[in-house]
Amino acid sequence: MKKLIDKLFLKQWSIGVSNASIEDIINNNISKKSFTWLPINDNTRFFADPFVFKNPDGNIEIIFEDYSSHTYGTISLATLNAQFSNLSIKPLLDTGFHLSYPSLFIHDGKTYIIPESSKEGGLHCYEFDFETKQLINKRTIIENEPLLDSTILFYNNKYWLFATKRGLNSNSDLYIYHSNKWDGDYVAHKGNPFKTSLSGTRPAGNFIINNNTIYRPTQNSADYYGKSIILQKIIQLDDENFEESAVTEIKLQKNNKFNFAIHTINITNDVIVVDGLRKIFSPFTQIRIFLKKH
C-alpha cells in the first residue's frame, strides 16, 4: 500500500546552491544550511547531478542533468552571479541517448566534462570552452562499458576511476579502474566489484581532498533512492586493495524546498551545490506519464 500511494506523487529534483567550505562538508554543517534553488517552471522536468566551477569573470557555472519525464536526460549549463541570481540556463549536450552526472575533471588548466552515457555503451569526455560555453573535442575514455556516475581521482601518480554499472546492481556494486593517463587506457581493478551495498557505494560527486585526506561522497539508497549522502574517508587505494570508512551522513534541512532526498554534492572555493528531491501529489500527471510510456 505504501508503494502504491508513493506512485501518486511526482518526484522532482532541483539544484541548490549555497556558500560553504570543505570543512563544512566534513563536519556535516551542510545539514544545517539553507539553499537557493534553481527555478523550474514545469513539474515534469528536473535538474540533478550538479557539478560547479567558476568562470574567469567571477560568475558561477553549474553543469547538470536536465531531464523531462516526456523524453530523456540531456546536459545543461546554468550561469549564476555571486549572489546566486540565475543569469541563464542553456542546453549544452544532447546525443540522442540519456545523459546524466556530468563529472568535472581539471587537467593541465583545462576543464573536462565526463557525462554518464551508459545507454550509449561507453564513457566519453568533452573539453569545456569558456569563450563559447560549449563542449568540444569529444574523445572516448572507456569503450563498451555501461558505467554510471564515473568519477576520477589522481592519487599516487595514477588515475583512478570509480563507477557503478547499469543493471540490477547499479546502486550497490562499486567498480574501480586505473590508468597512467587520465583519458585512458583504463584497466579494471583485480578486486572488482569492491562493495555490494546500497549504502555508501555509488558515487555522489567529485572527490574532496583536505589536509592530505581524501573523501569520497557516496549515495545512500538503502531505504529509498537518494535518501542521503554518506561521506567516505579513503583508507587504502592501490593495485591490490581498496578500503574506506564512513565519516558522516549528509541530509538536507527540512526548511529547504527540496528536502526529501539528496544524491549529489560538489564544491568549488566557497560555493557548494547539491541536488534535492521534493514529492508533489499529482496522480493525474503520473497517470498521463505512465500511459505515454506504455
C-alpha atoms as a PDB file:
ATOM      1  CA  MET A   1       0.000   0.000   0.000  1.00  0.00           C
ATOM      2  CA  LYS A   2       2.841   2.394   0.833  1.00  0.00           C
ATOM      3  CA  LYS A   3       4.420   1.821  -2.594  1.00  0.00           C
ATOM      4  CA  LEU A   4       1.086   2.335  -4.362  1.00  0.00           C
ATOM      5  CA  ILE A   5       0.486   5.625  -2.540  1.00  0.00           C
ATOM      6  CA  ASP A   6       4.005   6.750  -3.381  1.00  0.00           C
ATOM      7  CA  LYS A   7       3.248   6.311  -7.089  1.00  0.00           C
ATOM      8  CA  LEU A   8       0.638   9.082  -6.808  1.00  0.00           C
ATOM      9  CA  PHE A   9       3.419  11.579  -6.142  1.00  0.00           C
ATOM     10  CA  LEU A  10       5.525  13.245  -8.814  1.00  0.00           C
ATOM     11  CA  LYS A  11       9.212  13.281  -7.869  1.00  0.00           C
ATOM     12  CA  GLN A  12      11.110  16.403  -8.836  1.00  0.00           C
ATOM     13  CA  TRP A  13      14.799  17.086  -8.311  1.00  0.00           C
ATOM     14  CA  SER A  14      16.298  20.560  -8.327  1.00  0.00           C
ATOM     15  CA  ILE A  15      19.700  22.109  -7.662  1.00  0.00           C
ATOM     16  CA  GLY A  16      20.540  24.122  -4.570  1.00  0.00           C
ATOM     17  CA  VAL A  17      23.494  26.470  -4.159  1.00  0.00           C
ATOM     18  CA  SER A  18      24.984  27.998  -1.020  1.00  0.00           C
ATOM     19  CA  ASN A  19      28.207  29.292   0.469  1.00  0.00           C
ATOM     20  CA  ALA A  20      30.224  26.644   2.280  1.00  0.00           C
ATOM     21  CA  SER A  21      33.710  25.290   2.862  1.00  0.00           C
ATOM     22  CA  ILE A  22      35.216  21.815   2.628  1.00  0.00           C
ATOM     23  CA  GLU A  23      35.258  21.771   6.435  1.00  0.00           C
ATOM     24  CA  ASP A  24      31.504  22.404   6.409  1.00  0.00           C
ATOM     25  CA  ILE A  25      31.035  19.221   4.385  1.00  0.00           C
ATOM     26  CA  ILE A  26      33.358  17.114   6.528  1.00  0.00           C
ATOM     27  CA  ASN A  27      31.854  18.392   9.792  1.00  0.00           C
ATOM     28  CA  ASN A  28      28.317  17.967   8.397  1.00  0.00           C
ATOM     29  CA  ASN A  29      27.351  21.622   8.688  1.00  0.00           C
ATOM     30  CA  ILE A  30      25.679  21.213   5.279  1.00  0.00           C
ATOM     31  CA  SER A  31      22.703  19.646   7.035  1.00  0.00           C
ATOM     32  CA  LYS A  32      22.118  22.989   8.785  1.00  0.00           C
ATOM     33  CA  LYS A  33      22.242  25.193   5.683  1.00  0.00           C
ATOM     34  CA  SER A  34      19.535  26.738   3.537  1.00  0.00           C
ATOM     35  CA  PHE A  35      19.969  26.738  -0.231  1.00  0.00           C
ATOM     36  CA  THR A  36      18.944  28.901  -3.166  1.00  0.00           C
ATOM     37  CA  TRP A  37      17.195  26.608  -5.657  1.00  0.00           C
ATOM     38  CA  LEU A  38      17.301  26.909  -9.435  1.00  0.00           C
ATOM     39  CA  PRO A  39      13.852  27.795 -10.780  1.00  0.00           C
ATOM     40  CA  ILE A  40      11.888  25.138 -12.698  1.00  0.00           C
ATOM     41  CA  ASN A  41       8.564  26.108 -14.277  1.00  0.00           C
ATOM     42  CA  ASP A  42       7.476  22.563 -15.187  1.00  0.00           C
ATOM     43  CA  ASN A  43       6.810  19.901 -12.540  1.00  0.00           C
ATOM     44  CA  THR A  44       7.617  17.112 -15.025  1.00  0.00           C
ATOM     45  CA  ARG A  45      11.138  18.478 -15.535  1.00  0.00           C
ATOM     46  CA  PHE A  46      14.002  18.095 -13.077  1.00  0.00           C
ATOM     47  CA  PHE A  47      17.571  19.253 -12.579  1.00  0.00           C
ATOM     48  CA  ALA A  48      20.050  16.897 -10.887  1.00  0.00           C
ATOM     49  CA  ASP A  49      23.698  15.780 -10.623  1.00  0.00           C
ATOM     50  CA  PRO A  50      25.212  19.298 -10.371  1.00  0.00           C
ATOM     51  CA  PHE A  51      28.935  19.994 -10.806  1.00  0.00           C
ATOM     52  CA  VAL A  52      30.240  23.505 -10.244  1.00  0.00           C
ATOM     53  CA  PHE A  53      33.124  25.705 -11.373  1.00  0.00           C
ATOM     54  CA  LYS A  54      33.808  29.424 -11.724  1.00  0.00           C
ATOM     55  CA  ASN A  55      34.328  31.466 -14.859  1.00  0.00           C
ATOM     56  CA  PRO A  56      37.228  33.942 -15.091  1.00  0.00           C
ATOM     57  CA  ASP A  57      34.568  36.692 -14.918  1.00  0.00           C
ATOM     58  CA  GLY A  58      33.589  35.502 -11.441  1.00  0.00           C
ATOM     59  CA  ASN A  59      30.245  34.010 -12.435  1.00  0.00           C
ATOM     60  CA  ILE A  60      29.292  30.556 -11.204  1.00  0.00           C
ATOM     61  CA  GLU A  61      28.766  27.778 -13.756  1.00  0.00           C
ATOM     62  CA  ILE A  62      26.695  24.735 -12.827  1.00  0.00           C
ATOM     63  CA  ILE A  63      26.609  21.834 -15.264  1.00  0.00           C
ATOM     64  CA  PHE A  64      23.875  19.284 -14.632  1.00  0.00           C
ATOM     65  CA  GLU A  65      21.416  16.678 -15.861  1.00  0.00           C
ATOM     66  CA  ASP A  66      18.319  18.284 -17.394  1.00  0.00           C
ATOM     67  CA  TYR A  67      15.573  15.657 -17.515  1.00  0.00           C
ATOM     68  CA  SER A  68      11.976  15.618 -18.691  1.00  0.00           C
ATOM     69  CA  SER A  69       9.521  12.843 -17.876  1.00  0.00           C
ATOM     70  CA  HIS A  70       8.437  13.003 -21.530  1.00  0.00           C
ATOM     71  CA  THR A  71      11.870  12.456 -23.122  1.00  0.00           C
ATOM     72  CA  TYR A  72      15.285  11.651 -21.630  1.00  0.00           C
ATOM     73  CA  GLY A  73      18.178  13.353 -19.870  1.00  0.00           C
ATOM     74  CA  THR A  74      20.420  15.929 -21.513  1.00  0.00           C
ATOM     75  CA  ILE A  75      23.191  18.147 -20.136  1.00  0.00           C
ATOM     76  CA  SER A  76      22.553  21.840 -19.467  1.00  0.00           C
ATOM     77  CA  LEU A  77      24.512  24.786 -18.063  1.00  0.00           C
ATOM     78  CA  ALA A  78      23.266  27.324 -15.530  1.00  0.00           C
ATOM     79  CA  THR A  79      25.152  30.599 -15.056  1.00  0.00           C
ATOM     80  CA  LEU A  80      24.706  32.424 -11.732  1.00  0.00           C
ATOM     81  CA  ASN A  81      26.235  35.587 -10.340  1.00  0.00           C
ATOM     82  CA  ALA A  82      27.968  35.784  -6.968  1.00  0.00           C
ATOM     83  CA  GLN A  83      24.623  36.424  -5.247  1.00  0.00           C
ATOM     84  CA  PHE A  84      23.227  33.193  -6.785  1.00  0.00           C
ATOM     85  CA  SER A  85      20.819  35.051  -9.058  1.00  0.00           C
ATOM     86  CA  ASN A  86      20.060  32.960 -12.128  1.00  0.00           C
ATOM     87  CA  LEU A  87      21.527  34.650 -15.226  1.00  0.00           C
ATOM     88  CA  SER A  88      20.788  31.921 -17.764  1.00  0.00           C
ATOM     89  CA  ILE A  89      20.109  28.224 -18.323  1.00  0.00           C
ATOM     90  CA  LYS A  90      21.112  26.808 -21.707  1.00  0.00           C
ATOM     91  CA  PRO A  91      21.283  23.368 -23.347  1.00  0.00           C
ATOM     92  CA  LEU A  92      24.820  22.043 -23.573  1.00  0.00           C
ATOM     93  CA  LEU A  93      24.746  18.449 -24.831  1.00  0.00           C
ATOM     94  CA  ASP A  94      22.130  16.181 -26.424  1.00  0.00           C
ATOM     95  CA  THR A  95      23.392  12.960 -28.013  1.00  0.00           C
ATOM     96  CA  GLY A  96      20.014  11.308 -28.570  1.00  0.00           C
ATOM     97  CA  PHE A  97      20.760   8.977 -25.636  1.00  0.00           C
ATOM     98  CA  HIS A  98      20.067   9.568 -21.957  1.00  0.00           C
ATOM     99  CA  LEU A  99      22.802  11.628 -20.270  1.00  0.00           C
ATOM    100  CA  SER A 100      23.360  12.469 -16.608  1.00  0.00           C
ATOM    101  CA  TYR A 101      26.085  13.028 -13.955  1.00  0.00           C
ATOM    102  CA  PRO A 102      28.421  15.353 -15.935  1.00  0.00           C
ATOM    103  CA  SER A 103      31.503  14.682 -13.824  1.00  0.00           C
ATOM    104  CA  LEU A 104      34.030  17.511 -13.906  1.00  0.00           C
ATOM    105  CA  PHE A 105      37.782  16.942 -14.143  1.00  0.00           C
ATOM    106  CA  ILE A 106      40.520  19.589 -14.442  1.00  0.00           C
ATOM    107  CA  HIS A 107      43.808  18.671 -16.117  1.00  0.00           C
ATOM    108  CA  ASP A 108      46.649  20.931 -17.303  1.00  0.00           C
ATOM    109  CA  GLY A 109      44.498  24.012 -16.843  1.00  0.00           C
ATOM    110  CA  LYS A 110      41.633  22.664 -18.953  1.00  0.00           C
ATOM    111  CA  THR A 111      38.178  21.751 -17.725  1.00  0.00           C
ATOM    112  CA  TYR A 112      36.724  18.454 -18.932  1.00  0.00           C
ATOM    113  CA  ILE A 113      33.209  17.097 -18.596  1.00  0.00           C
ATOM    114  CA  ILE A 114      32.569  13.339 -18.430  1.00  0.00           C
ATOM    115  CA  PRO A 115      28.806  12.683 -18.610  1.00  0.00           C
ATOM    116  CA  GLU A 116      27.200   9.368 -17.793  1.00  0.00           C
ATOM    117  CA  SER A 117      26.208   7.833 -21.125  1.00  0.00           C
ATOM    118  CA  SER A 118      25.673   4.170 -20.258  1.00  0.00           C
ATOM    119  CA  LYS A 119      22.768   3.746 -22.702  1.00  0.00           C
ATOM    120  CA  GLU A 120      25.180   4.659 -25.487  1.00  0.00           C
ATOM    121  CA  GLY A 121      27.511   1.935 -24.234  1.00  0.00           C
ATOM    122  CA  GLY A 122      30.721   3.808 -23.460  1.00  0.00           C
ATOM    123  CA  LEU A 123      32.283   6.637 -21.470  1.00  0.00           C
ATOM    124  CA  HIS A 124      33.183   9.860 -23.294  1.00  0.00           C
ATOM    125  CA  CYS A 125      34.627  13.217 -22.285  1.00  0.00           C
ATOM    126  CA  TYR A 126      34.459  16.763 -23.654  1.00  0.00           C
ATOM    127  CA  GLU A 127      36.505  19.896 -23.112  1.00  0.00           C
ATOM    128  CA  PHE A 128      34.577  22.942 -21.878  1.00  0.00           C
ATOM    129  CA  ASP A 129      35.272  26.038 -23.990  1.00  0.00           C
ATOM    130  CA  PHE A 130      34.974  29.071 -21.689  1.00  0.00           C
ATOM    131  CA  GLU A 131      34.647  31.552 -24.565  1.00  0.00           C
ATOM    132  CA  THR A 132      31.750  29.875 -26.374  1.00  0.00           C
ATOM    133  CA  LYS A 133      30.404  27.948 -23.378  1.00  0.00           C
ATOM    134  CA  GLN A 134      30.268  24.798 -25.458  1.00  0.00           C
ATOM    135  CA  LEU A 135      31.594  21.260 -25.154  1.00  0.00           C
ATOM    136  CA  ILE A 136      34.263  20.453 -27.748  1.00  0.00           C
ATOM    137  CA  ASN A 137      36.843  17.805 -28.684  1.00  0.00           C
ATOM    138  CA  LYS A 138      34.910  14.649 -27.805  1.00  0.00           C
ATOM    139  CA  ARG A 139      37.042  11.632 -27.002  1.00  0.00           C
ATOM    140  CA  THR A 140      36.299   8.134 -25.719  1.00  0.00           C
ATOM    141  CA  ILE A 141      37.756   7.096 -22.366  1.00  0.00           C
ATOM    142  CA  ILE A 142      36.315   3.590 -21.990  1.00  0.00           C
ATOM    143  CA  GLU A 143      34.502   1.608 -24.685  1.00  0.00           C
ATOM    144  CA  ASN A 144      31.678  -0.912 -24.301  1.00  0.00           C
ATOM    145  CA  GLU A 145      31.188  -0.460 -20.545  1.00  0.00           C
ATOM    146  CA  PRO A 146      27.783   0.804 -19.273  1.00  0.00           C
ATOM    147  CA  LEU A 147      29.318   2.835 -16.440  1.00  0.00           C
ATOM    148  CA  LEU A 148      27.283   5.039 -14.116  1.00  0.00           C
ATOM    149  CA  ASP A 149      28.481   8.182 -12.321  1.00  0.00           C
ATOM    150  CA  SER A 150      32.151   7.823 -13.284  1.00  0.00           C
ATOM    151  CA  THR A 151      34.401   9.950 -11.072  1.00  0.00           C
ATOM    152  CA  ILE A 152      38.187  10.330 -11.465  1.00  0.00           C
ATOM    153  CA  LEU A 153      40.826  10.746  -8.764  1.00  0.00           C
ATOM    154  CA  PHE A 154      44.562  11.383  -9.266  1.00  0.00           C
ATOM    155  CA  TYR A 155      46.419   9.604  -6.480  1.00  0.00           C
ATOM    156  CA  ASN A 156      49.924   8.137  -6.127  1.00  0.00           C
ATOM    157  CA  ASN A 157      50.832   9.009  -9.730  1.00  0.00           C
ATOM    158  CA  LYS A 158      47.842   7.142 -11.131  1.00  0.00           C
ATOM    159  CA  TYR A 159      44.348   7.995 -12.268  1.00  0.00           C
ATOM    160  CA  TRP A 160      41.593   6.050 -10.552  1.00  0.00           C
ATOM    161  CA  LEU A 161      38.076   5.909 -11.978  1.00  0.00           C
ATOM    162  CA  PHE A 162      35.213   4.942  -9.672  1.00  0.00           C
ATOM    163  CA  ALA A 163      31.774   3.942 -11.020  1.00  0.00           C
ATOM    164  CA  THR A 164      28.885   1.528 -10.826  1.00  0.00           C
ATOM    165  CA  LYS A 165      27.327  -0.257 -13.799  1.00  0.00           C
ATOM    166  CA  ARG A 166      23.887  -0.175 -15.361  1.00  0.00           C
ATOM    167  CA  GLY A 167      21.854  -3.210 -14.326  1.00  0.00           C
ATOM    168  CA  LEU A 168      20.260  -4.810 -11.279  1.00  0.00           C
ATOM    169  CA  ASN A 169      23.161  -3.778  -9.019  1.00  0.00           C
ATOM    170  CA  SER A 170      23.580  -0.226 -10.323  1.00  0.00           C
ATOM    171  CA  ASN A 171      23.315   1.257  -6.816  1.00  0.00           C
ATOM    172  CA  SER A 172      25.259  -1.375  -4.911  1.00  0.00           C
ATOM    173  CA  ASP A 173      28.343  -2.671  -6.786  1.00  0.00           C
ATOM    174  CA  LEU A 174      31.457  -0.491  -6.962  1.00  0.00           C
ATOM    175  CA  TYR A 175      33.932  -0.840  -9.831  1.00  0.00           C
ATOM    176  CA  ILE A 176      37.381   0.770  -9.884  1.00  0.00           C
ATOM    177  CA  TYR A 177      39.654   1.259 -12.900  1.00  0.00           C
ATOM    178  CA  HIS A 178      43.168   2.694 -13.080  1.00  0.00           C
ATOM    179  CA  SER A 179      45.401   4.211 -15.734  1.00  0.00           C
ATOM    180  CA  ASN A 180      48.640   6.127 -16.176  1.00  0.00           C
ATOM    181  CA  LYS A 181      46.748   8.692 -18.290  1.00  0.00           C
ATOM    182  CA  TRP A 182      43.596  10.489 -17.215  1.00  0.00           C
ATOM    183  CA  ASP A 183      41.856   9.783 -20.538  1.00  0.00           C
ATOM    184  CA  GLY A 184      42.838   6.098 -20.777  1.00  0.00           C
ATOM    185  CA  ASP A 185      43.678   3.295 -21.188  1.00  0.00           C
ATOM    186  CA  TYR A 186      41.881   2.204 -18.027  1.00  0.00           C
ATOM    187  CA  VAL A 187      42.346  -1.282 -16.598  1.00  0.00           C
ATOM    188  CA  ALA A 188      39.757  -2.897 -14.347  1.00  0.00           C
ATOM    189  CA  HIS A 189      40.967  -3.363 -10.774  1.00  0.00           C
ATOM    190  CA  LYS A 190      41.525  -7.023  -9.927  1.00  0.00           C
ATOM    191  CA  GLY A 191      39.300  -6.660  -6.841  1.00  0.00           C
ATOM    192  CA  ASN A 192      36.144  -5.600  -8.727  1.00  0.00           C
ATOM    193  CA  PRO A 193      33.424  -5.335  -7.591  1.00  0.00           C
ATOM    194  CA  PHE A 194      34.639  -3.924  -4.280  1.00  0.00           C
ATOM    195  CA  LYS A 195      31.391  -3.217  -2.478  1.00  0.00           C
ATOM    196  CA  THR A 196      27.919  -4.717  -2.624  1.00  0.00           C
ATOM    197  CA  SER A 197      25.896  -2.306  -0.523  1.00  0.00           C
ATOM    198  CA  LEU A 198      23.069   0.104  -1.277  1.00  0.00           C
ATOM    199  CA  SER A 199      24.563   2.465   1.293  1.00  0.00           C
ATOM    200  CA  GLY A 200      27.879   4.209   0.638  1.00  0.00           C
ATOM    201  CA  THR A 201      28.779   2.767  -2.765  1.00  0.00           C
ATOM    202  CA  ARG A 202      27.558   4.703  -5.828  1.00  0.00           C
ATOM    203  CA  PRO A 203      29.490   7.973  -6.429  1.00  0.00           C
ATOM    204  CA  ALA A 204      27.730  11.184  -5.361  1.00  0.00           C
ATOM    205  CA  GLY A 205      30.172  13.849  -6.568  1.00  0.00           C
ATOM    206  CA  ASN A 206      33.845  14.635  -7.016  1.00  0.00           C
ATOM    207  CA  PHE A 207      36.440  13.516  -4.501  1.00  0.00           C
ATOM    208  CA  ILE A 208      37.174  16.026  -1.737  1.00  0.00           C
ATOM    209  CA  ILE A 209      40.770  16.470  -0.600  1.00  0.00           C
ATOM    210  CA  ASN A 210      41.522  18.233   2.678  1.00  0.00           C
ATOM    211  CA  ASN A 211      44.762  18.162   4.698  1.00  0.00           C
ATOM    212  CA  ASN A 212      46.082  15.250   2.603  1.00  0.00           C
ATOM    213  CA  THR A 213      42.965  13.221   3.373  1.00  0.00           C
ATOM    214  CA  ILE A 214      40.697  12.042   0.559  1.00  0.00           C
ATOM    215  CA  TYR A 215      36.943  11.880   0.999  1.00  0.00           C
ATOM    216  CA  ARG A 216      34.501  10.222  -1.394  1.00  0.00           C
ATOM    217  CA  PRO A 217      30.834  11.331  -1.439  1.00  0.00           C
ATOM    218  CA  THR A 218      28.584   8.316  -1.957  1.00  0.00           C
ATOM    219  CA  GLN A 219      24.857   7.697  -2.286  1.00  0.00           C
ATOM    220  CA  ASN A 220      22.787   6.068   0.414  1.00  0.00           C
ATOM    221  CA  SER A 221      19.820   4.295  -1.178  1.00  0.00           C
ATOM    222  CA  ALA A 222      19.274   1.641   1.469  1.00  0.00           C
ATOM    223  CA  ASP A 223      15.721   2.779   2.306  1.00  0.00           C
ATOM    224  CA  TYR A 224      14.910   4.666  -0.902  1.00  0.00           C
ATOM    225  CA  TYR A 225      16.837   6.145  -3.803  1.00  0.00           C
ATOM    226  CA  GLY A 226      18.903   9.161  -2.757  1.00  0.00           C
ATOM    227  CA  LYS A 227      17.925   9.092   0.925  1.00  0.00           C
ATOM    228  CA  SER A 228      21.210  10.796   1.902  1.00  0.00           C
ATOM    229  CA  ILE A 229      24.906  11.103   1.135  1.00  0.00           C
ATOM    230  CA  ILE A 230      27.494   9.100   3.048  1.00  0.00           C
ATOM    231  CA  LEU A 231      30.896  10.787   3.108  1.00  0.00           C
ATOM    232  CA  GLN A 232      33.608   8.120   2.996  1.00  0.00           C
ATOM    233  CA  LYS A 233      37.243   8.547   4.023  1.00  0.00           C
ATOM    234  CA  ILE A 234      39.721   6.662   1.817  1.00  0.00           C
ATOM    235  CA  ILE A 235      41.965   4.450   3.951  1.00  0.00           C
ATOM    236  CA  GLN A 236      43.827   2.496   1.264  1.00  0.00           C
ATOM    237  CA  LEU A 237      43.931   2.577  -2.526  1.00  0.00           C
ATOM    238  CA  ASP A 238      46.491   0.695  -4.599  1.00  0.00           C
ATOM    239  CA  ASP A 239      46.753  -2.028  -7.245  1.00  0.00           C
ATOM    240  CA  GLU A 240      45.871  -4.694  -4.707  1.00  0.00           C
ATOM    241  CA  ASN A 241      43.421  -3.167  -2.259  1.00  0.00           C
ATOM    242  CA  PHE A 242      40.779  -0.542  -1.593  1.00  0.00           C
ATOM    243  CA  GLU A 243      39.375   0.416   1.785  1.00  0.00           C
ATOM    244  CA  GLU A 244      37.247   3.308   3.007  1.00  0.00           C
ATOM    245  CA  SER A 245      35.237   4.161   6.114  1.00  0.00           C
ATOM    246  CA  ALA A 246      32.115   6.247   6.630  1.00  0.00           C
ATOM    247  CA  VAL A 247      32.657   9.673   8.208  1.00  0.00           C
ATOM    248  CA  THR A 248      29.233  11.320   8.236  1.00  0.00           C
ATOM    249  CA  GLU A 249      25.747  11.212   6.735  1.00  0.00           C
ATOM    250  CA  ILE A 250      24.548  14.339   4.924  1.00  0.00           C
ATOM    251  CA  LYS A 251      20.858  15.247   4.691  1.00  0.00           C
ATOM    252  CA  LEU A 252      19.050  18.459   3.793  1.00  0.00           C
ATOM    253  CA  GLN A 253      17.486  20.705   6.396  1.00  0.00           C
ATOM    254  CA  LYS A 254      13.703  20.408   6.426  1.00  0.00           C
ATOM    255  CA  ASN A 255      13.168  24.125   5.715  1.00  0.00           C
ATOM    256  CA  ASN A 256      14.596  23.607   2.230  1.00  0.00           C
ATOM    257  CA  LYS A 257      12.003  23.341  -0.539  1.00  0.00           C
ATOM    258  CA  PHE A 258      13.605  20.173  -1.905  1.00  0.00           C
ATOM    259  CA  ASN A 259      14.348  18.213   1.252  1.00  0.00           C
ATOM    260  CA  PHE A 260      13.127  14.642   0.764  1.00  0.00           C
ATOM    261  CA  ALA A 261      16.388  13.249  -0.657  1.00  0.00           C
ATOM    262  CA  ILE A 262      19.888  14.230  -1.822  1.00  0.00           C
ATOM    263  CA  HIS A 263      22.332  12.295  -4.018  1.00  0.00           C
ATOM    264  CA  THR A 264      24.985  14.723  -5.352  1.00  0.00           C
ATOM    265  CA  ILE A 265      27.280  17.236  -3.670  1.00  0.00           C
ATOM    266  CA  ASN A 266      30.134  19.308  -5.137  1.00  0.00           C
ATOM    267  CA  ILE A 267      32.165  22.351  -4.127  1.00  0.00           C
ATOM    268  CA  THR A 268      34.460  24.944  -5.666  1.00  0.00           C
ATOM    269  CA  ASN A 269      36.174  27.507  -3.451  1.00  0.00           C
ATOM    270  CA  ASP A 270      33.343  28.714  -1.190  1.00  0.00           C
ATOM    271  CA  VAL A 271      30.388  27.633  -3.340  1.00  0.00           C
ATOM    272  CA  ILE A 272      28.602  24.338  -2.804  1.00  0.00           C
ATOM    273  CA  VAL A 273      25.928  22.717  -4.975  1.00  0.00           C
ATOM    274  CA  VAL A 274      23.592  19.832  -4.126  1.00  0.00           C
ATOM    275  CA  ASP A 275      20.515  18.274  -5.642  1.00  0.00           C
ATOM    276  CA  GLY A 276      17.372  17.843  -3.585  1.00  0.00           C
ATOM    277  CA  LEU A 277      14.120  15.966  -4.155  1.00  0.00           C
ATOM    278  CA  ARG A 278      10.559  17.014  -3.429  1.00  0.00           C
ATOM    279  CA  LYS A 279       7.358  14.981  -3.785  1.00  0.00           C
ATOM    280  CA  ILE A 280       4.315  16.584  -5.411  1.00  0.00           C
ATOM    281  CA  PHE A 281       0.890  14.961  -5.065  1.00  0.00           C
ATOM    282  CA  SER A 282      -0.128  14.743  -8.718  1.00  0.00           C
ATOM    283  CA  PRO A 283      -1.944  11.449  -9.539  1.00  0.00           C
ATOM    284  CA  PHE A 284      -3.329  12.599 -12.891  1.00  0.00           C
ATOM    285  CA  THR A 285       0.096  13.723 -14.104  1.00  0.00           C
ATOM    286  CA  GLN A 286       1.550  10.376 -13.051  1.00  0.00           C
ATOM    287  CA  ILE A 287      -1.176   8.527 -14.958  1.00  0.00           C
ATOM    288  CA  ARG A 288      -0.511  10.600 -18.112  1.00  0.00           C
ATOM    289  CA  ILE A 289       3.226   9.901 -17.901  1.00  0.00           C
ATOM    290  CA  PHE A 290       2.588   6.181 -17.374  1.00  0.00           C
ATOM    291  CA  LEU A 291       0.224   5.944 -20.357  1.00  0.00           C
ATOM    292  CA  LYS A 292       2.639   7.812 -22.619  1.00  0.00           C
ATOM    293  CA  LYS A 293       5.492   5.456 -21.737  1.00  0.00           C
ATOM    294  CA  HIS A 294       3.383   2.316 -22.139  1.00  0.00           C
END
